Amino acid sequence: FYTESSIGIQIETCLSLFVEYCSVTGNASYDALHVSQGSFVRANCLFVEKANAAISSFYGSTVLSNECQTVSNVKYGLYADLGGTIKKTSVTQPTGSTANEYAVTSRGGQII
């Protein structure tokens, strides 16, 4: 996926979805994989270049991150807020220039 004007992959209100072997080149203002509204997503082998966050989870969603990587220019590797959860299922995870992981725990975000 290549976009410079919006979120790379946006998933909302989805019971179960697998995102596998994808490469996202985006915009530093938007997330590469943005999951929200109670969705459940498994991200496997996602490669990200140029994004605010490689993987983000919001509003009660759960993302399983497996073997995902940052190529370059990503601010946050994993970002969870507003009840979103990201579960790391492998050692290899996306990295960020500001933080590898950022969970806004005061608003229910968690990364485990």
N, C-alpha and C. Protein backbone atom coordinates (compact mmCIF):
# COMPACT_ATOMS: atom_id res chain seq x y z
N PHE A 1 0.84 -1.18 0.00
CA PHE A 1 0.00 0.00 0.00
C PHE A 1 0.88 1.24 0.00
N TYR A 2 0.49 2.20 -0.76
CA TYR A 2 1.22 3.46 -0.79
C TYR A 2 0.22 4.60 -0.71
N THR A 3 0.36 5.44 0.30
CA THR A 3 -0.52 6.60 0.43
C THR A 3 0.24 7.72 1.11
N GLU A 4 0.03 8.92 0.67
CA GLU A 4 0.63 10.07 1.34
C GLU A 4 -0.43 11.01 1.87
N SER A 5 -1.70 10.63 1.74
CA SER A 5 -2.77 11.54 2.13
C SER A 5 -3.70 11.02 3.22
N SER A 6 -3.50 9.79 3.69
CA SER A 6 -4.39 9.27 4.73
C SER A 6 -3.75 8.08 5.44
N ILE A 7 -4.55 7.43 6.29
CA ILE A 7 -4.14 6.22 6.98
C ILE A 7 -3.84 5.13 5.95
N GLY A 8 -2.80 4.34 6.20
CA GLY A 8 -2.46 3.26 5.27
C GLY A 8 -3.55 2.21 5.18
N ILE A 9 -3.82 1.51 6.29
CA ILE A 9 -4.88 0.50 6.37
C ILE A 9 -5.73 0.85 7.59
N GLN A 10 -7.01 1.07 7.40
CA GLN A 10 -7.92 1.42 8.50
C GLN A 10 -8.97 0.33 8.63
N ILE A 11 -9.09 -0.23 9.84
CA ILE A 11 -10.04 -1.32 10.09
C ILE A 11 -10.92 -0.90 11.26
N GLU A 12 -12.24 -0.93 11.05
CA GLU A 12 -13.20 -0.57 12.10
C GLU A 12 -14.32 -1.61 12.15
N THR A 13 -14.75 -1.94 13.38
CA THR A 13 -15.90 -2.81 13.62
C THR A 13 -15.79 -4.12 12.84
N CYS A 14 -14.68 -4.80 13.00
CA CYS A 14 -14.44 -6.05 12.29
C CYS A 14 -14.18 -7.16 13.31
N LEU A 15 -14.95 -8.24 13.24
CA LEU A 15 -14.82 -9.31 14.23
C LEU A 15 -13.48 -10.03 14.16
N SER A 16 -12.98 -10.27 12.97
CA SER A 16 -11.71 -10.98 12.83
C SER A 16 -11.14 -10.74 11.44
N LEU A 17 -9.91 -10.26 11.41
CA LEU A 17 -9.27 -9.99 10.13
C LEU A 17 -7.77 -10.25 10.25
N PHE A 18 -7.20 -10.88 9.24
CA PHE A 18 -5.76 -11.11 9.18
C PHE A 18 -5.15 -10.17 8.15
N VAL A 19 -4.12 -9.44 8.55
CA VAL A 19 -3.35 -8.59 7.65
C VAL A 19 -1.97 -9.23 7.58
N GLU A 20 -1.65 -9.84 6.46
CA GLU A 20 -0.42 -10.60 6.36
C GLU A 20 0.42 -10.19 5.16
N TYR A 21 1.73 -10.14 5.38
CA TYR A 21 2.72 -9.88 4.34
C TYR A 21 2.38 -8.62 3.54
N CYS A 22 2.23 -7.51 4.26
CA CYS A 22 1.93 -6.23 3.64
C CYS A 22 3.06 -5.25 3.90
N SER A 23 3.23 -4.35 2.96
CA SER A 23 4.17 -3.26 3.11
C SER A 23 3.38 -1.97 2.96
N VAL A 24 3.54 -1.05 3.93
CA VAL A 24 2.81 0.21 3.90
C VAL A 24 3.81 1.37 3.89
N THR A 25 3.71 2.21 2.88
CA THR A 25 4.47 3.45 2.82
C THR A 25 3.44 4.56 2.90
N GLY A 26 3.54 5.39 3.94
CA GLY A 26 2.49 6.36 4.15
C GLY A 26 2.96 7.78 4.36
N ASN A 27 2.29 8.43 5.30
CA ASN A 27 2.51 9.83 5.63
C ASN A 27 2.84 9.90 7.11
N ALA A 28 3.82 10.70 7.49
CA ALA A 28 4.27 10.79 8.89
C ALA A 28 3.18 11.32 9.82
N SER A 29 2.08 11.83 9.30
CA SER A 29 0.98 12.33 10.12
C SER A 29 -0.08 11.28 10.41
N TYR A 30 -0.02 10.13 9.74
CA TYR A 30 -1.06 9.10 9.86
C TYR A 30 -0.44 7.76 10.24
N ASP A 31 -1.28 6.87 10.78
CA ASP A 31 -0.84 5.54 11.17
C ASP A 31 -0.84 4.60 9.96
N ALA A 32 0.07 3.64 9.95
CA ALA A 32 0.12 2.67 8.86
C ALA A 32 -1.02 1.66 8.97
N LEU A 33 -1.22 1.09 10.17
CA LEU A 33 -2.33 0.17 10.44
C LEU A 33 -3.08 0.72 11.64
N HIS A 34 -4.31 1.20 11.42
CA HIS A 34 -5.13 1.82 12.46
C HIS A 34 -6.36 0.94 12.67
N VAL A 35 -6.50 0.40 13.89
CA VAL A 35 -7.59 -0.52 14.21
C VAL A 35 -8.44 0.10 15.31
N SER A 36 -9.79 0.13 15.11
CA SER A 36 -10.65 0.74 16.12
C SER A 36 -12.05 0.14 16.12
N GLN A 37 -12.86 0.63 17.06
CA GLN A 37 -14.28 0.26 17.19
C GLN A 37 -14.49 -1.24 17.47
N GLY A 38 -13.70 -1.79 18.41
CA GLY A 38 -13.91 -3.17 18.86
C GLY A 38 -13.46 -4.25 17.90
N SER A 39 -12.58 -3.94 16.98
CA SER A 39 -12.11 -4.92 16.01
C SER A 39 -11.07 -5.86 16.61
N PHE A 40 -10.89 -7.01 15.97
CA PHE A 40 -9.83 -7.95 16.32
C PHE A 40 -9.02 -8.21 15.05
N VAL A 41 -7.73 -7.89 15.10
CA VAL A 41 -6.87 -8.00 13.92
C VAL A 41 -5.57 -8.70 14.28
N ARG A 42 -5.13 -9.59 13.40
CA ARG A 42 -3.81 -10.19 13.53
C ARG A 42 -2.94 -9.62 12.41
N ALA A 43 -1.89 -8.90 12.80
CA ALA A 43 -0.95 -8.34 11.84
C ALA A 43 0.29 -9.23 11.81
N ASN A 44 0.55 -9.82 10.68
CA ASN A 44 1.68 -10.73 10.53
C ASN A 44 2.56 -10.24 9.39
N CYS A 45 3.83 -10.00 9.69
CA CYS A 45 4.81 -9.56 8.69
C CYS A 45 4.37 -8.28 7.98
N LEU A 46 4.10 -7.26 8.77
CA LEU A 46 3.78 -5.93 8.25
C LEU A 46 5.05 -5.10 8.25
N PHE A 47 5.38 -4.50 7.13
CA PHE A 47 6.58 -3.68 6.99
C PHE A 47 6.14 -2.24 6.75
N VAL A 48 6.64 -1.31 7.58
CA VAL A 48 6.14 0.06 7.56
C VAL A 48 7.25 1.06 7.30
N GLU A 49 6.96 2.00 6.41
CA GLU A 49 7.86 3.11 6.13
C GLU A 49 7.04 4.39 6.14
N LYS A 50 7.49 5.37 6.90
CA LYS A 50 6.90 6.70 6.95
C LYS A 50 5.47 6.68 7.50
N ALA A 51 5.37 6.79 8.85
CA ALA A 51 4.06 6.79 9.50
C ALA A 51 4.17 7.42 10.89
N ASN A 52 3.05 7.89 11.41
CA ASN A 52 3.01 8.35 12.80
C ASN A 52 3.20 7.15 13.72
N ALA A 53 2.42 6.10 13.51
CA ALA A 53 2.56 4.84 14.25
C ALA A 53 2.50 3.69 13.26
N ALA A 54 3.32 2.69 13.47
CA ALA A 54 3.27 1.51 12.61
C ALA A 54 1.94 0.78 12.82
N ILE A 55 1.60 0.54 14.10
CA ILE A 55 0.35 -0.15 14.45
C ILE A 55 -0.31 0.62 15.59
N SER A 56 -1.61 0.94 15.43
CA SER A 56 -2.34 1.61 16.51
C SER A 56 -3.65 0.88 16.77
N SER A 57 -4.06 0.91 18.05
CA SER A 57 -5.30 0.26 18.48
C SER A 57 -6.07 1.22 19.37
N PHE A 58 -7.36 1.41 19.06
CA PHE A 58 -8.24 2.34 19.79
C PHE A 58 -9.61 1.72 20.04
N TYR A 59 -10.34 2.30 20.96
CA TYR A 59 -11.76 2.00 21.21
C TYR A 59 -12.07 0.51 21.33
N GLY A 60 -11.40 -0.14 22.28
CA GLY A 60 -11.71 -1.52 22.61
C GLY A 60 -11.24 -2.55 21.60
N SER A 61 -10.37 -2.19 20.71
CA SER A 61 -9.86 -3.13 19.71
C SER A 61 -8.64 -3.88 20.23
N THR A 62 -8.40 -5.04 19.63
CA THR A 62 -7.23 -5.84 19.97
C THR A 62 -6.47 -6.15 18.68
N VAL A 63 -5.16 -5.93 18.73
CA VAL A 63 -4.28 -6.26 17.61
C VAL A 63 -3.21 -7.21 18.11
N LEU A 64 -3.03 -8.33 17.41
CA LEU A 64 -1.92 -9.23 17.66
C LEU A 64 -0.83 -8.87 16.66
N SER A 65 0.33 -8.45 17.15
CA SER A 65 1.43 -8.04 16.30
C SER A 65 2.48 -9.13 16.27
N ASN A 66 2.71 -9.68 15.07
CA ASN A 66 3.64 -10.80 14.91
C ASN A 66 4.62 -10.52 13.78
N GLU A 67 5.91 -10.48 14.10
CA GLU A 67 6.97 -10.30 13.10
C GLU A 67 6.78 -9.05 12.24
N CYS A 68 6.32 -7.97 12.84
CA CYS A 68 6.14 -6.70 12.13
C CYS A 68 7.38 -5.84 12.33
N GLN A 69 7.71 -5.01 11.33
CA GLN A 69 8.95 -4.25 11.37
C GLN A 69 8.79 -2.85 10.81
N THR A 70 9.62 -1.96 11.32
CA THR A 70 9.74 -0.62 10.77
C THR A 70 10.86 -0.61 9.75
N VAL A 71 10.60 -0.04 8.58
CA VAL A 71 11.64 0.14 7.58
C VAL A 71 12.35 1.46 7.87
N SER A 72 11.59 2.56 7.98
CA SER A 72 12.17 3.87 8.32
C SER A 72 11.07 4.90 8.56
N ASN A 73 11.44 6.00 9.22
CA ASN A 73 10.59 7.18 9.42
C ASN A 73 9.25 6.89 10.09
N VAL A 74 9.28 6.22 11.24
CA VAL A 74 8.08 5.95 12.01
C VAL A 74 8.27 6.56 13.41
N LYS A 75 7.28 7.32 13.88
CA LYS A 75 7.38 7.99 15.17
C LYS A 75 7.18 7.01 16.34
N TYR A 76 6.11 6.19 16.29
CA TYR A 76 5.81 5.19 17.32
C TYR A 76 5.70 3.82 16.66
N GLY A 77 6.35 2.83 17.24
CA GLY A 77 6.21 1.47 16.72
C GLY A 77 4.81 0.94 16.99
N LEU A 78 4.43 0.89 18.27
CA LEU A 78 3.11 0.43 18.70
C LEU A 78 2.45 1.54 19.51
N TYR A 79 1.17 1.82 19.25
CA TYR A 79 0.47 2.90 19.95
C TYR A 79 -0.93 2.44 20.33
N ALA A 80 -1.23 2.43 21.63
CA ALA A 80 -2.54 2.00 22.12
C ALA A 80 -3.17 3.10 22.98
N ASP A 81 -4.45 3.40 22.74
CA ASP A 81 -5.14 4.46 23.45
C ASP A 81 -6.64 4.16 23.48
N LEU A 82 -7.34 4.78 24.39
CA LEU A 82 -8.80 4.70 24.47
C LEU A 82 -9.32 3.26 24.50
N GLY A 83 -8.74 2.44 25.38
CA GLY A 83 -9.17 1.05 25.54
C GLY A 83 -8.63 0.08 24.52
N GLY A 84 -7.72 0.52 23.69
CA GLY A 84 -7.12 -0.36 22.69
C GLY A 84 -6.00 -1.20 23.29
N THR A 85 -5.85 -2.41 22.77
CA THR A 85 -4.82 -3.34 23.26
C THR A 85 -4.00 -3.85 22.08
N ILE A 86 -2.69 -3.90 22.28
CA ILE A 86 -1.80 -4.54 21.31
C ILE A 86 -1.05 -5.64 22.04
N LYS A 87 -1.13 -6.85 21.50
CA LYS A 87 -0.44 -8.00 22.09
C LYS A 87 0.69 -8.41 21.17
N LYS A 88 1.90 -8.41 21.72
CA LYS A 88 3.08 -8.80 20.94
C LYS A 88 3.20 -10.32 20.97
N THR A 89 3.19 -10.95 19.80
CA THR A 89 3.26 -12.41 19.74
C THR A 89 4.58 -12.91 19.15
N SER A 90 5.54 -12.00 19.05
CA SER A 90 6.88 -12.38 18.59
C SER A 90 7.87 -11.36 19.15
N VAL A 91 9.14 -11.66 19.04
CA VAL A 91 10.18 -10.74 19.50
C VAL A 91 10.29 -9.55 18.56
N THR A 92 10.16 -9.79 17.26
CA THR A 92 10.33 -8.73 16.27
C THR A 92 9.08 -7.85 16.22
N GLN A 93 9.26 -6.56 16.57
CA GLN A 93 8.17 -5.59 16.60
C GLN A 93 8.63 -4.30 15.93
N PRO A 94 7.69 -3.49 15.45
CA PRO A 94 8.08 -2.21 14.85
C PRO A 94 8.71 -1.28 15.88
N THR A 95 9.63 -0.47 15.42
CA THR A 95 10.29 0.50 16.30
C THR A 95 9.92 1.90 15.87
N GLY A 96 10.15 2.86 16.78
CA GLY A 96 9.83 4.24 16.47
C GLY A 96 10.94 5.19 16.89
N SER A 97 11.00 6.33 16.24
CA SER A 97 12.03 7.32 16.56
C SER A 97 11.75 8.02 17.89
N THR A 98 10.46 8.17 18.25
CA THR A 98 10.10 8.78 19.54
C THR A 98 9.98 7.73 20.62
N ALA A 99 9.30 6.63 20.32
CA ALA A 99 9.15 5.51 21.27
C ALA A 99 8.80 4.25 20.51
N ASN A 100 9.33 3.12 20.95
CA ASN A 100 8.96 1.84 20.35
C ASN A 100 7.53 1.48 20.72
N GLU A 101 7.14 1.80 21.96
CA GLU A 101 5.79 1.50 22.45
C GLU A 101 5.25 2.71 23.20
N TYR A 102 3.99 3.03 22.95
CA TYR A 102 3.34 4.11 23.70
C TYR A 102 1.90 3.71 23.98
N ALA A 103 1.63 3.42 25.25
CA ALA A 103 0.28 3.07 25.69
C ALA A 103 -0.22 4.17 26.62
N VAL A 104 -1.34 4.76 26.29
CA VAL A 104 -1.93 5.80 27.13
C VAL A 104 -2.77 5.06 28.18
N THR A 105 -2.10 4.63 29.25
CA THR A 105 -2.73 3.80 30.27
C THR A 105 -3.82 4.54 31.04
N SER A 106 -3.73 5.86 31.15
CA SER A 106 -4.77 6.62 31.85
C SER A 106 -6.10 6.57 31.12
N ARG A 107 -6.07 6.17 29.84
CA ARG A 107 -7.31 6.04 29.06
C ARG A 107 -7.52 4.59 28.58
N GLY A 108 -6.88 3.64 29.29
CA GLY A 108 -7.13 2.22 29.05
C GLY A 108 -6.31 1.57 27.95
N GLY A 109 -5.37 2.28 27.37
CA GLY A 109 -4.50 1.67 26.35
C GLY A 109 -3.50 0.74 27.00
N GLN A 110 -3.24 -0.40 26.33
CA GLN A 110 -2.26 -1.33 26.88
C GLN A 110 -1.52 -2.07 25.78
N ILE A 111 -0.25 -2.32 26.06
CA ILE A 111 0.60 -3.11 25.16
C ILE A 111 1.22 -4.21 26.01
N ILE A 112 0.95 -5.44 25.61
CA ILE A 112 1.44 -6.58 26.40
C ILE A 112 2.15 -7.59 25.52
